[in-house]
PDB file of N, CA and C in Angstrom:
ATOM      1  N   MET A   1       4.850 -37.940 -42.491  1.00  0.00           N
ATOM      2  CA  MET A   1       3.471 -37.481 -42.573  1.00  0.00           C
ATOM      3  C   MET A   1       3.417 -36.052 -43.089  1.00  0.00           C
ATOM      4  N   ASN A   2       2.420 -35.761 -43.924  1.00  0.00           N
ATOM      5  CA  ASN A   2       2.219 -34.406 -44.413  1.00  0.00           C
ATOM      6  C   ASN A   2       1.657 -33.530 -43.305  1.00  0.00           C
ATOM      7  N   LYS A   3       1.809 -32.230 -43.506  1.00  0.00           N
ATOM      8  CA  LYS A   3       1.215 -31.293 -42.556  1.00  0.00           C
ATOM      9  C   LYS A   3      -0.297 -31.411 -42.587  1.00  0.00           C
ATOM     10  N   VAL A   4      -0.899 -31.203 -41.437  1.00  0.00           N
ATOM     11  CA  VAL A   4      -2.353 -31.128 -41.351  1.00  0.00           C
ATOM     12  C   VAL A   4      -2.731 -29.665 -41.529  1.00  0.00           C
ATOM     13  N   LYS A   5      -3.582 -29.419 -42.525  1.00  0.00           N
ATOM     14  CA  LYS A   5      -4.014 -28.048 -42.796  1.00  0.00           C
ATOM     15  C   LYS A   5      -5.250 -27.730 -41.972  1.00  0.00           C
ATOM     16  N   ILE A   6      -5.155 -26.617 -41.240  1.00  0.00           N
ATOM     17  CA  ILE A   6      -6.268 -26.125 -40.430  1.00  0.00           C
ATOM     18  C   ILE A   6      -6.618 -24.748 -40.966  1.00  0.00           C
ATOM     19  N   GLU A   7      -7.848 -24.606 -41.462  1.00  0.00           N
ATOM     20  CA  GLU A   7      -8.306 -23.303 -41.941  1.00  0.00           C
ATOM     21  C   GLU A   7      -9.307 -22.760 -40.931  1.00  0.00           C
ATOM     22  N   ALA A   8      -9.015 -21.578 -40.417  1.00  0.00           N
ATOM     23  CA  ALA A   8      -9.875 -20.935 -39.429  1.00  0.00           C
ATOM     24  C   ALA A   8     -10.557 -19.741 -40.068  1.00  0.00           C
ATOM     25  N   PHE A   9     -11.839 -19.601 -39.825  1.00  0.00           N
ATOM     26  CA  PHE A   9     -12.625 -18.498 -40.368  1.00  0.00           C
ATOM     27  C   PHE A   9     -13.150 -17.672 -39.209  1.00  0.00           C
ATOM     28  N   LEU A  10     -12.792 -16.395 -39.194  1.00  0.00           N
ATOM     29  CA  LEU A  10     -13.169 -15.482 -38.125  1.00  0.00           C
ATOM     30  C   LEU A  10     -14.053 -14.380 -38.683  1.00  0.00           C
ATOM     31  N   SER A  11     -14.936 -13.852 -37.868  1.00  0.00           N
ATOM     32  CA  SER A  11     -15.811 -12.769 -38.302  1.00  0.00           C
ATOM     33  C   SER A  11     -15.092 -11.430 -38.205  1.00  0.00           C
ATOM     34  N   ILE A  12     -15.667 -10.446 -38.878  1.00  0.00           N
ATOM     35  CA  ILE A  12     -15.209  -9.060 -38.756  1.00  0.00           C
ATOM     36  C   ILE A  12     -16.414  -8.257 -38.291  1.00  0.00           C
ATOM     37  N   PRO A  13     -16.369  -7.558 -37.176  1.00  0.00           N
ATOM     38  CA  PRO A  13     -15.283  -7.578 -36.202  1.00  0.00           C
ATOM     39  C   PRO A  13     -15.219  -8.935 -35.516  1.00  0.00           C
ATOM     40  N   THR A  14     -14.054  -9.252 -35.008  1.00  0.00           N
ATOM     41  CA  THR A  14     -13.847 -10.540 -34.367  1.00  0.00           C
ATOM     42  C   THR A  14     -14.664 -10.622 -33.085  1.00  0.00           C
ATOM     43  N   CYS A  15     -15.409 -11.703 -32.940  1.00  0.00           N
ATOM     44  CA  CYS A  15     -16.224 -11.918 -31.740  1.00  0.00           C
ATOM     45  C   CYS A  15     -15.382 -12.621 -30.675  1.00  0.00           C
ATOM     46  N   SER A  16     -15.970 -12.813 -29.515  1.00  0.00           N
ATOM     47  CA  SER A  16     -15.227 -13.462 -28.436  1.00  0.00           C
ATOM     48  C   SER A  16     -14.847 -14.894 -28.802  1.00  0.00           C
ATOM     49  N   GLY A  17     -15.714 -15.591 -29.563  1.00  0.00           N
ATOM     50  CA  GLY A  17     -15.386 -16.943 -30.014  1.00  0.00           C
ATOM     51  C   GLY A  17     -14.188 -16.951 -30.942  1.00  0.00           C
ATOM     52  N   GLY A  18     -14.092 -15.950 -31.799  1.00  0.00           N
ATOM     53  CA  GLY A  18     -12.955 -15.842 -32.711  1.00  0.00           C
ATOM     54  C   GLY A  18     -11.656 -15.549 -31.973  1.00  0.00           C
ATOM     55  N   ILE A  19     -11.738 -14.718 -30.957  1.00  0.00           N
ATOM     56  CA  ILE A  19     -10.559 -14.414 -30.149  1.00  0.00           C
ATOM     57  C   ILE A  19     -10.084 -15.679 -29.429  1.00  0.00           C
ATOM     58  N   SER A  20     -11.030 -16.411 -28.854  1.00  0.00           N
ATOM     59  CA  SER A  20     -10.682 -17.662 -28.167  1.00  0.00           C
ATOM     60  C   SER A  20     -10.097 -18.674 -29.145  1.00  0.00           C
ATOM     61  N   LEU A  21     -10.665 -18.742 -30.343  1.00  0.00           N
ATOM     62  CA  LEU A  21     -10.167 -19.672 -31.352  1.00  0.00           C
ATOM     63  C   LEU A  21      -8.747 -19.304 -31.772  1.00  0.00           C
ATOM     64  N   SER A  22      -8.480 -18.039 -31.945  1.00  0.00           N
ATOM     65  CA  SER A  22      -7.124 -17.598 -32.306  1.00  0.00           C
ATOM     66  C   SER A  22      -6.116 -18.017 -31.239  1.00  0.00           C
ATOM     67  N   ARG A  23      -6.480 -17.850 -29.986  1.00  0.00           N
ATOM     68  CA  ARG A  23      -5.594 -18.260 -28.888  1.00  0.00           C
ATOM     69  C   ARG A  23      -5.384 -19.771 -28.880  1.00  0.00           C
ATOM     70  N   LEU A  24      -6.453 -20.518 -29.100  1.00  0.00           N
ATOM     71  CA  LEU A  24      -6.363 -21.975 -29.125  1.00  0.00           C
ATOM     72  C   LEU A  24      -5.477 -22.450 -30.271  1.00  0.00           C
ATOM     73  N   LEU A  25      -5.619 -21.839 -31.428  1.00  0.00           N
ATOM     74  CA  LEU A  25      -4.798 -22.238 -32.576  1.00  0.00           C
ATOM     75  C   LEU A  25      -3.328 -21.899 -32.358  1.00  0.00           C
ATOM     76  N   LYS A  26      -3.054 -20.828 -31.634  1.00  0.00           N
ATOM     77  CA  LYS A  26      -1.667 -20.499 -31.284  1.00  0.00           C
ATOM     78  C   LYS A  26      -1.085 -21.606 -30.414  1.00  0.00           C
ATOM     79  N   GLU A  27      -1.875 -22.081 -29.453  1.00  0.00           N
ATOM     80  CA  GLU A  27      -1.441 -23.200 -28.598  1.00  0.00           C
ATOM     81  C   GLU A  27      -1.139 -24.438 -29.434  1.00  0.00           C
ATOM     82  N   ILE A  28      -2.017 -24.738 -30.387  1.00  0.00           N
ATOM     83  CA  ILE A  28      -1.848 -25.907 -31.247  1.00  0.00           C
ATOM     84  C   ILE A  28      -0.587 -25.762 -32.089  1.00  0.00           C
ATOM     85  N   GLN A  29      -0.360 -24.567 -32.638  1.00  0.00           N
ATOM     86  CA  GLN A  29       0.867 -24.336 -33.415  1.00  0.00           C
ATOM     87  C   GLN A  29       2.108 -24.509 -32.556  1.00  0.00           C
ATOM     88  N   ASP A  30       2.067 -23.984 -31.345  1.00  0.00           N
ATOM     89  CA  ASP A  30       3.214 -24.122 -30.447  1.00  0.00           C
ATOM     90  C   ASP A  30       3.470 -25.587 -30.097  1.00  0.00           C
ATOM     91  N   GLU A  31       2.390 -26.347 -29.926  1.00  0.00           N
ATOM     92  CA  GLU A  31       2.513 -27.744 -29.525  1.00  0.00           C
ATOM     93  C   GLU A  31       2.967 -28.655 -30.672  1.00  0.00           C
ATOM     94  N   PHE A  32       2.447 -28.414 -31.876  1.00  0.00           N
ATOM     95  CA  PHE A  32       2.711 -29.326 -32.991  1.00  0.00           C
ATOM     96  C   PHE A  32       3.700 -28.789 -34.021  1.00  0.00           C
ATOM     97  N   GLY A  33       4.066 -27.525 -33.903  1.00  0.00           N
ATOM     98  CA  GLY A  33       5.091 -26.952 -34.778  1.00  0.00           C
ATOM     99  C   GLY A  33       4.793 -27.133 -36.258  1.00  0.00           C
ATOM    100  N   ASP A  34       5.771 -27.685 -36.975  1.00  0.00           N
ATOM    101  CA  ASP A  34       5.641 -27.782 -38.428  1.00  0.00           C
ATOM    102  C   ASP A  34       4.768 -28.946 -38.884  1.00  0.00           C
ATOM    103  N   ARG A  35       4.121 -29.635 -37.950  1.00  0.00           N
ATOM    104  CA  ARG A  35       3.192 -30.709 -38.341  1.00  0.00           C
ATOM    105  C   ARG A  35       1.806 -30.177 -38.675  1.00  0.00           C
ATOM    106  N   VAL A  36       1.562 -28.890 -38.359  1.00  0.00           N
ATOM    107  CA  VAL A  36       0.290 -28.260 -38.715  1.00  0.00           C
ATOM    108  C   VAL A  36       0.558 -26.983 -39.512  1.00  0.00           C
ATOM    109  N   GLU A  37      -0.380 -26.683 -40.383  1.00  0.00           N
ATOM    110  CA  GLU A  37      -0.357 -25.429 -41.130  1.00  0.00           C
ATOM    111  C   GLU A  37      -1.673 -24.736 -40.831  1.00  0.00           C
ATOM    112  N   VAL A  38      -1.608 -23.594 -40.161  1.00  0.00           N
ATOM    113  CA  VAL A  38      -2.813 -22.857 -39.794  1.00  0.00           C
ATOM    114  C   VAL A  38      -2.961 -21.662 -40.726  1.00  0.00           C
ATOM    115  N   ILE A  39      -4.104 -21.596 -41.385  1.00  0.00           N
ATOM    116  CA  ILE A  39      -4.432 -20.484 -42.271  1.00  0.00           C
ATOM    117  C   ILE A  39      -5.665 -19.807 -41.690  1.00  0.00           C
ATOM    118  N   THR A  40      -5.594 -18.509 -41.497  1.00  0.00           N
ATOM    119  CA  THR A  40      -6.708 -17.773 -40.904  1.00  0.00           C
ATOM    120  C   THR A  40      -7.294 -16.806 -41.929  1.00  0.00           C
ATOM    121  N   TYR A  41      -8.600 -16.846 -42.053  1.00  0.00           N
ATOM    122  CA  TYR A  41      -9.331 -15.927 -42.928  1.00  0.00           C
ATOM    123  C   TYR A  41     -10.229 -15.065 -42.058  1.00  0.00           C
ATOM    124  N   LYS A  42     -10.357 -13.799 -42.422  1.00  0.00           N
ATOM    125  CA  LYS A  42     -11.248 -12.896 -41.696  1.00  0.00           C
ATOM    126  C   LYS A  42     -12.333 -12.406 -42.648  1.00  0.00           C
ATOM    127  N   GLY A  43     -13.565 -12.551 -42.214  1.00  0.00           N
ATOM    128  CA  GLY A  43     -14.703 -12.132 -43.023  1.00  0.00           C
ATOM    129  C   GLY A  43     -15.045 -13.158 -44.089  1.00  0.00           C
ATOM    130  N   ARG A  44     -16.119 -12.885 -44.788  1.00  0.00           N
ATOM    131  CA  ARG A  44     -16.552 -13.777 -45.873  1.00  0.00           C
ATOM    132  C   ARG A  44     -15.640 -13.587 -47.078  1.00  0.00           C
ATOM    133  N   ASN A  45     -15.324 -14.698 -47.713  1.00  0.00           N
ATOM    134  CA  ASN A  45     -14.513 -14.664 -48.925  1.00  0.00           C
ATOM    135  C   ASN A  45     -14.859 -15.880 -49.773  1.00  0.00           C
ATOM    136  N   GLU A  46     -14.158 -16.070 -50.865  1.00  0.00           N
ATOM    137  CA  GLU A  46     -14.477 -17.186 -51.758  1.00  0.00           C
ATOM    138  C   GLU A  46     -14.254 -18.544 -51.083  1.00  0.00           C
ATOM    139  N   VAL A  47     -13.298 -18.644 -50.187  1.00  0.00           N
ATOM    140  CA  VAL A  47     -13.048 -19.908 -49.491  1.00  0.00           C
ATOM    141  C   VAL A  47     -14.197 -20.194 -48.522  1.00  0.00           C
ATOM    142  N   PHE A  48     -14.652 -19.180 -47.807  1.00  0.00           N
ATOM    143  CA  PHE A  48     -15.809 -19.290 -46.903  1.00  0.00           C
ATOM    144  C   PHE A  48     -17.007 -19.823 -47.682  1.00  0.00           C
ATOM    145  N   GLU A  49     -17.232 -19.265 -48.855  1.00  0.00           N
ATOM    146  CA  GLU A  49     -18.355 -19.679 -49.703  1.00  0.00           C
ATOM    147  C   GLU A  49     -18.160 -21.089 -50.254  1.00  0.00           C
ATOM    148  N   ARG A  50     -16.952 -21.444 -50.637  1.00  0.00           N
ATOM    149  CA  ARG A  50     -16.667 -22.768 -51.214  1.00  0.00           C
ATOM    150  C   ARG A  50     -17.021 -23.877 -50.219  1.00  0.00           C
ATOM    151  N   TYR A  51     -16.748 -23.648 -48.948  1.00  0.00           N
ATOM    152  CA  TYR A  51     -17.078 -24.638 -47.927  1.00  0.00           C
ATOM    153  C   TYR A  51     -18.538 -24.557 -47.471  1.00  0.00           C
ATOM    154  N   ASN A  52     -19.301 -23.620 -48.034  1.00  0.00           N
ATOM    155  CA  ASN A  52     -20.714 -23.426 -47.663  1.00  0.00           C
ATOM    156  C   ASN A  52     -20.884 -23.132 -46.178  1.00  0.00           C
ATOM    157  N   LEU A  53     -19.976 -22.366 -45.627  1.00  0.00           N
ATOM    158  CA  LEU A  53     -20.077 -21.986 -44.220  1.00  0.00           C
ATOM    159  C   LEU A  53     -21.198 -20.971 -44.057  1.00  0.00           C
ATOM    160  N   THR A  54     -21.841 -21.005 -42.923  1.00  0.00           N
ATOM    161  CA  THR A  54     -22.931 -20.066 -42.665  1.00  0.00           C
ATOM    162  C   THR A  54     -22.643 -19.110 -41.519  1.00  0.00           C
ATOM    163  N   THR A  55     -21.634 -19.428 -40.716  1.00  0.00           N
ATOM    164  CA  THR A  55     -21.309 -18.581 -39.570  1.00  0.00           C
ATOM    165  C   THR A  55     -19.851 -18.759 -39.178  1.00  0.00           C
ATOM    166  N   ALA A  56     -19.353 -17.790 -38.458  1.00  0.00           N
ATOM    167  CA  ALA A  56     -17.983 -17.855 -37.943  1.00  0.00           C
ATOM    168  C   ALA A  56     -18.075 -17.705 -36.429  1.00  0.00           C
ATOM    169  N   PRO A  57     -17.134 -18.223 -35.685  1.00  0.00           N
ATOM    170  CA  PRO A  57     -15.932 -18.893 -36.158  1.00  0.00           C
ATOM    171  C   PRO A  57     -16.246 -20.288 -36.708  1.00  0.00           C
ATOM    172  N   ALA A  58     -15.353 -20.736 -37.571  1.00  0.00           N
ATOM    173  CA  ALA A  58     -15.481 -22.076 -38.146  1.00  0.00           C
ATOM    174  C   ALA A  58     -14.083 -22.639 -38.363  1.00  0.00           C
ATOM    175  N   LEU A  59     -13.993 -23.954 -38.341  1.00  0.00           N
ATOM    176  CA  LEU A  59     -12.719 -24.632 -38.578  1.00  0.00           C
ATOM    177  C   LEU A  59     -12.899 -25.714 -39.633  1.00  0.00           C
ATOM    178  N   VAL A  60     -12.007 -25.691 -40.609  1.00  0.00           N
ATOM    179  CA  VAL A  60     -11.921 -26.754 -41.597  1.00  0.00           C
ATOM    180  C   VAL A  60     -10.588 -27.437 -41.348  1.00  0.00           C
ATOM    181  N   ILE A  61     -10.624 -28.736 -41.127  1.00  0.00           N
ATOM    182  CA  ILE A  61      -9.404 -29.504 -40.881  1.00  0.00           C
ATOM    183  C   ILE A  61      -9.292 -30.524 -41.995  1.00  0.00           C
ATOM    184  N   GLY A  62      -8.147 -30.501 -42.688  1.00  0.00           N
ATOM    185  CA  GLY A  62      -8.043 -31.276 -43.913  1.00  0.00           C
ATOM    186  C   GLY A  62      -8.934 -30.588 -44.924  1.00  0.00           C
ATOM    187  N   ASP A  63      -9.918 -31.280 -45.423  1.00  0.00           N
ATOM    188  CA  ASP A  63     -10.880 -30.662 -46.340  1.00  0.00           C
ATOM    189  C   ASP A  63     -12.310 -30.763 -45.827  1.00  0.00           C
ATOM    190  N   LEU A  64     -12.461 -31.034 -44.531  1.00  0.00           N
ATOM    191  CA  LEU A  64     -13.791 -31.195 -43.961  1.00  0.00           C
ATOM    192  C   LEU A  64     -14.104 -30.112 -42.942  1.00  0.00           C
ATOM    193  N   VAL A  65     -15.317 -29.588 -43.027  1.00  0.00           N
ATOM    194  CA  VAL A  65     -15.780 -28.637 -42.017  1.00  0.00           C
ATOM    195  C   VAL A  65     -15.976 -29.432 -40.736  1.00  0.00           C
ATOM    196  N   ARG A  66     -15.249 -29.076 -39.707  1.00  0.00           N
ATOM    197  CA  ARG A  66     -15.314 -29.810 -38.440  1.00  0.00           C
ATOM    198  C   ARG A  66     -16.107 -29.069 -37.377  1.00  0.00           C
ATOM    199  N   ILE A  67     -15.998 -27.736 -37.355  1.00  0.00           N
ATOM    200  CA  ILE A  67     -16.628 -26.957 -36.287  1.00  0.00           C
ATOM    201  C   ILE A  67     -17.136 -25.660 -36.895  1.00  0.00           C
ATOM    202  N   MET A  68     -18.370 -25.276 -36.523  1.00  0.00           N
ATOM    203  CA  MET A  68     -18.917 -24.030 -37.041  1.00  0.00           C
ATOM    204  C   MET A  68     -19.789 -23.376 -35.972  1.00  0.00           C
ATOM    205  N   GLY A  69     -19.565 -22.093 -35.745  1.00  0.00           N
ATOM    206  CA  GLY A  69     -20.407 -21.322 -34.840  1.00  0.00           C
ATOM    207  C   GLY A  69     -19.917 -21.180 -33.424  1.00  0.00           C
ATOM    208  N   VAL A  70     -18.905 -21.960 -33.042  1.00  0.00           N
ATOM    209  CA  VAL A  70     -18.382 -21.887 -31.673  1.00  0.00           C
ATOM    210  C   VAL A  70     -16.872 -22.111 -31.697  1.00  0.00           C
ATOM    211  N   CYS A  71     -16.245 -21.702 -30.632  1.00  0.00           N
ATOM    212  CA  CYS A  71     -14.846 -22.062 -30.428  1.00  0.00           C
ATOM    213  C   CYS A  71     -14.847 -23.399 -29.699  1.00  0.00           C
ATOM    214  N   PRO A  72     -14.194 -24.416 -30.260  1.00  0.00           N
ATOM    215  CA  PRO A  72     -14.197 -25.716 -29.598  1.00  0.00           C
ATOM    216  C   PRO A  72     -13.313 -25.720 -28.359  1.00  0.00           C
ATOM    217  N   SER A  73     -13.529 -26.695 -27.523  1.00  0.00           N
ATOM    218  CA  SER A  73     -12.590 -26.907 -26.426  1.00  0.00           C
ATOM    219  C   SER A  73     -11.309 -27.475 -27.023  1.00  0.00           C
ATOM    220  N   LYS A  74     -10.235 -27.400 -26.277  1.00  0.00           N
ATOM    221  CA  LYS A  74      -8.984 -27.976 -26.765  1.00  0.00           C
ATOM    222  C   LYS A  74      -9.151 -29.475 -26.983  1.00  0.00           C
ATOM    223  N   GLU A  75      -9.892 -30.129 -26.115  1.00  0.00           N
ATOM    224  CA  GLU A  75     -10.115 -31.564 -26.243  1.00  0.00           C
ATOM    225  C   GLU A  75     -10.848 -31.906 -27.545  1.00  0.00           C
ATOM    226  N   SER A  76     -11.857 -31.122 -27.893  1.00  0.00           N
ATOM    227  CA  SER A  76     -12.591 -31.357 -29.144  1.00  0.00           C
ATOM    228  C   SER A  76     -11.703 -31.145 -30.348  1.00  0.00           C
ATOM    229  N   LEU A  77     -10.877 -30.096 -30.314  1.00  0.00           N
ATOM    230  CA  LEU A  77      -9.968 -29.834 -31.425  1.00  0.00           C
ATOM    231  C   LEU A  77      -8.926 -30.939 -31.534  1.00  0.00           C
ATOM    232  N   MET A  78      -8.402 -31.395 -30.409  1.00  0.00           N
ATOM    233  CA  MET A  78      -7.417 -32.478 -30.429  1.00  0.00           C
ATOM    234  C   MET A  78      -8.035 -33.750 -31.003  1.00  0.00           C
ATOM    235  N   SER A  79      -9.277 -34.023 -30.670  1.00  0.00           N
ATOM    236  CA  SER A  79      -9.976 -35.187 -31.196  1.00  0.00           C
ATOM    237  C   SER A  79     -10.116 -35.084 -32.714  1.00  0.00           C
ATOM    238  N   ALA A  80     -10.470 -33.921 -33.213  1.00  0.00           N
ATOM    239  CA  ALA A  80     -10.599 -33.729 -34.656  1.00  0.00           C
ATOM    240  C   ALA A  80      -9.246 -33.887 -35.348  1.00  0.00           C
ATOM    241  N   LEU A  81      -8.180 -33.412 -34.716  1.00  0.00           N
ATOM    242  CA  LEU A  81      -6.843 -33.548 -35.294  1.00  0.00           C
ATOM    243  C   LEU A  81      -6.399 -35.014 -35.308  1.00  0.00           C
ATOM    244  N   LYS A  82      -6.756 -35.754 -34.278  1.00  0.00           N
ATOM    245  CA  LYS A  82      -6.406 -37.182 -34.249  1.00  0.00           C
ATOM    246  C   LYS A  82      -7.153 -37.936 -35.332  1.00  0.00           C
ATOM    247  N   GLU A  83      -8.381 -37.523 -35.628  1.00  0.00           N
ATOM    248  CA  GLU A  83      -9.161 -38.179 -36.675  1.00  0.00           C
ATOM    249  C   GLU A  83      -8.494 -38.069 -38.041  1.00  0.00           C
ATOM    250  N   VAL A  84      -7.732 -37.007 -38.254  1.00  0.00           N
ATOM    251  CA  VAL A  84      -7.036 -36.855 -39.543  1.00  0.00           C
ATOM    252  C   VAL A  84      -5.598 -37.360 -39.469  1.00  0.00           C
ATOM    253  N   GLY A  85      -5.227 -37.999 -38.350  1.00  0.00           N
ATOM    254  CA  GLY A  85      -3.950 -38.660 -38.269  1.00  0.00           C
ATOM    255  C   GLY A  85      -2.834 -37.946 -37.518  1.00  0.00           C
ATOM    256  N   LEU A  86      -3.139 -36.811 -36.898  1.00  0.00           N
ATOM    257  CA  LEU A  86      -2.106 -36.085 -36.148  1.00  0.00           C
ATOM    258  C   LEU A  86      -1.987 -36.700 -34.763  1.00  0.00           C
ATOM    259  N   GLU A  87      -0.793 -37.105 -34.410  1.00  0.00           N
ATOM    260  CA  GLU A  87      -0.548 -37.721 -33.092  1.00  0.00           C
ATOM    261  C   GLU A  87       0.165 -36.750 -32.198  1.00  0.00           C
TER     262      GLU A  87
END
């Protein structure tokens, strides 16, 4: 299986949701190792605009915007990862 790409978008300055999301993604990286690729962006950039995001924090998993405006629970993030085939 290919790596699952997770793109995280955080605000500048980082809000409490962004801090929580960073911690959650660290947990996911520790748990799944090389089966996930986590890319973190801070502030608005061309990638933020390409996905038509309107607020941060936001998560794009695969090529789909999955979560925007809040830090998800671990259960919600795990559900989104399972939807793209990560076991």
